[in-house]
Amino acid sequence: MKELVEILAKALVDQPDKVVVDLVEKDKSIVIELRVAQEDMGKVIGKQGRIAKAIRMVVKAAAARQNKKVIVEIV
């Protein structure tokens, strides 16, 4: 999951070297924290959050195949 988010984010931003993805395991879910450069924040979120929603949907689909609950947070 972490690699999937990292690949998607690096493809979207101008500064792929500043993309940081952290994995935090909580009680019943896994939280993936995505950090990008401030200038690239708009590219990852998109208009009205459409790109962020798309990233979350792709990760949820991949997680469903493994019977896990995954949450993507853009920090």
C-alpha atoms as a PDB file:
ATOM      1  CA  MET A   1       0.000   0.000   0.000  1.00  0.00           C
ATOM      2  CA  LYS A   2       2.771   2.400   0.951  1.00  0.00           C
ATOM      3  CA  GLU A   3       4.537   1.886  -2.366  1.00  0.00           C
ATOM      4  CA  LEU A   4       1.298   2.421  -4.293  1.00  0.00           C
ATOM      5  CA  VAL A   5       0.669   5.807  -2.656  1.00  0.00           C
ATOM      6  CA  GLU A   6       4.302   6.797  -3.161  1.00  0.00           C
ATOM      7  CA  ILE A   7       4.236   5.954  -6.886  1.00  0.00           C
ATOM      8  CA  LEU A   8       0.965   7.836  -7.420  1.00  0.00           C
ATOM      9  CA  ALA A   9       2.158  10.910  -5.524  1.00  0.00           C
ATOM     10  CA  LYS A  10       5.548  11.062  -7.247  1.00  0.00           C
ATOM     11  CA  ALA A  11       3.837  10.942 -10.626  1.00  0.00           C
ATOM     12  CA  LEU A  12       1.721  13.994  -9.748  1.00  0.00           C
ATOM     13  CA  VAL A  13       4.196  16.410  -8.150  1.00  0.00           C
ATOM     14  CA  ASP A  14       7.022  18.615  -9.454  1.00  0.00           C
ATOM     15  CA  GLN A  15       9.368  17.679  -6.590  1.00  0.00           C
ATOM     16  CA  PRO A  16       9.183  13.880  -6.270  1.00  0.00           C
ATOM     17  CA  ASP A  17      12.201  13.789  -3.950  1.00  0.00           C
ATOM     18  CA  LYS A  18      10.147  15.561  -1.240  1.00  0.00           C
ATOM     19  CA  VAL A  19       7.376  12.956  -1.201  1.00  0.00           C
ATOM     20  CA  VAL A  20       7.306  11.118   2.137  1.00  0.00           C
ATOM     21  CA  VAL A  21       4.906   8.284   2.910  1.00  0.00           C
ATOM     22  CA  ASP A  22       4.582   6.936   6.461  1.00  0.00           C
ATOM     23  CA  LEU A  23       2.621   3.899   7.593  1.00  0.00           C
ATOM     24  CA  VAL A  24       0.924   4.072  11.018  1.00  0.00           C
ATOM     25  CA  GLU A  25      -0.894   1.007  12.316  1.00  0.00           C
ATOM     26  CA  LYS A  26      -3.829   1.653  14.616  1.00  0.00           C
ATOM     27  CA  ASP A  27      -6.280  -0.726  16.317  1.00  0.00           C
ATOM     28  CA  LYS A  28      -8.277  -1.995  13.358  1.00  0.00           C
ATOM     29  CA  SER A  29      -6.885   0.045  10.491  1.00  0.00           C
ATOM     30  CA  ILE A  30      -3.752   1.233   8.767  1.00  0.00           C
ATOM     31  CA  VAL A  31      -3.205   4.968   8.273  1.00  0.00           C
ATOM     32  CA  ILE A  32      -1.007   6.071   5.395  1.00  0.00           C
ATOM     33  CA  GLU A  33       0.301   9.619   5.860  1.00  0.00           C
ATOM     34  CA  LEU A  34       1.351  11.415   2.672  1.00  0.00           C
ATOM     35  CA  ARG A  35       3.601  14.470   2.877  1.00  0.00           C
ATOM     36  CA  VAL A  36       4.607  16.565  -0.134  1.00  0.00           C
ATOM     37  CA  ALA A  37       6.254  19.944  -0.662  1.00  0.00           C
ATOM     38  CA  GLN A  38       3.999  22.914   0.075  1.00  0.00           C
ATOM     39  CA  GLU A  39       4.057  23.989  -3.573  1.00  0.00           C
ATOM     40  CA  ASP A  40       2.797  20.550  -4.662  1.00  0.00           C
ATOM     41  CA  MET A  41      -0.053  20.311  -2.156  1.00  0.00           C
ATOM     42  CA  GLY A  42      -2.618  21.587  -4.661  1.00  0.00           C
ATOM     43  CA  LYS A  43      -1.558  19.027  -7.253  1.00  0.00           C
ATOM     44  CA  VAL A  44      -2.074  16.154  -4.830  1.00  0.00           C
ATOM     45  CA  ILE A  45      -5.425  17.439  -3.564  1.00  0.00           C
ATOM     46  CA  GLY A  46      -6.800  18.644  -6.904  1.00  0.00           C
ATOM     47  CA  LYS A  47      -9.857  20.762  -7.621  1.00  0.00           C
ATOM     48  CA  GLN A  48     -12.501  20.123  -4.982  1.00  0.00           C
ATOM     49  CA  GLY A  49     -10.368  17.223  -3.691  1.00  0.00           C
ATOM     50  CA  ARG A  50     -10.920  15.043  -6.746  1.00  0.00           C
ATOM     51  CA  ILE A  51      -7.361  13.751  -7.031  1.00  0.00           C
ATOM     52  CA  ALA A  52      -7.187  13.037  -3.288  1.00  0.00           C
ATOM     53  CA  LYS A  53     -10.466  11.103  -3.539  1.00  0.00           C
ATOM     54  CA  ALA A  54      -9.136   9.135  -6.499  1.00  0.00           C
ATOM     55  CA  ILE A  55      -5.955   8.204  -4.604  1.00  0.00           C
ATOM     56  CA  ARG A  56      -8.060   7.073  -1.642  1.00  0.00           C
ATOM     57  CA  MET A  57     -10.334   4.992  -3.874  1.00  0.00           C
ATOM     58  CA  VAL A  58      -7.408   3.212  -5.529  1.00  0.00           C
ATOM     59  CA  VAL A  59      -5.846   2.418  -2.149  1.00  0.00           C
ATOM     60  CA  LYS A  60      -9.175   1.216  -0.720  1.00  0.00           C
ATOM     61  CA  ALA A  61      -9.659  -1.082  -3.710  1.00  0.00           C
ATOM     62  CA  ALA A  62      -6.190  -2.541  -3.224  1.00  0.00           C
ATOM     63  CA  ALA A  63      -6.804  -2.920   0.519  1.00  0.00           C
ATOM     64  CA  ALA A  64     -10.139  -4.669  -0.048  1.00  0.00           C
ATOM     65  CA  ARG A  65      -8.329  -7.435  -1.898  1.00  0.00           C
ATOM     66  CA  GLN A  66      -6.278  -8.009   1.276  1.00  0.00           C
ATOM     67  CA  ASN A  67      -9.243  -7.589   3.677  1.00  0.00           C
ATOM     68  CA  LYS A  68      -7.711  -4.541   5.374  1.00  0.00           C
ATOM     69  CA  LYS A  69      -9.031  -1.074   6.191  1.00  0.00           C
ATOM     70  CA  VAL A  70      -6.700   1.648   4.975  1.00  0.00           C
ATOM     71  CA  ILE A  71      -7.030   5.403   5.463  1.00  0.00           C
ATOM     72  CA  VAL A  72      -4.978   7.889   3.421  1.00  0.00           C
ATOM     73  CA  GLU A  73      -4.262  11.234   5.067  1.00  0.00           C
ATOM     74  CA  ILE A  74      -2.555  14.111   3.274  1.00  0.00           C
ATOM     75  CA  VAL A  75      -0.528  15.934   5.902  1.00  0.00           C
END
